[in-house]
């Protein structure tokens, strides 16, 4: 087998691998987004309760920092999952690598 045939066959393998990845990704992404929300919502609620129950100004500031961090983390994780979901679903990567 010469090098050109190997490269051509490799291109087909890469295309098949990309399609398999896309199929798995389309199944996993809604689950991943759900897991992010299932973890984030109770965490934010618990931190909100801790913030409202804090009596000292020091404890209130610490609870506020944690609450803001949890909200920012949940938003960043949700946006990352959503962006990847859109990019994979729109075949942006297939056009990028000429599949």
Foldseek 3Di string as FASTA:
>chain_A
DDPVVVVVVVVVVVVVVLVVVLVVLLVVLVVQLVVLCVVLVVVLVVLVVQLVPDDDPVSNVVSVVVNVVSVVVSVVSNVVSVVVNVCSVVVVVCVVVVD
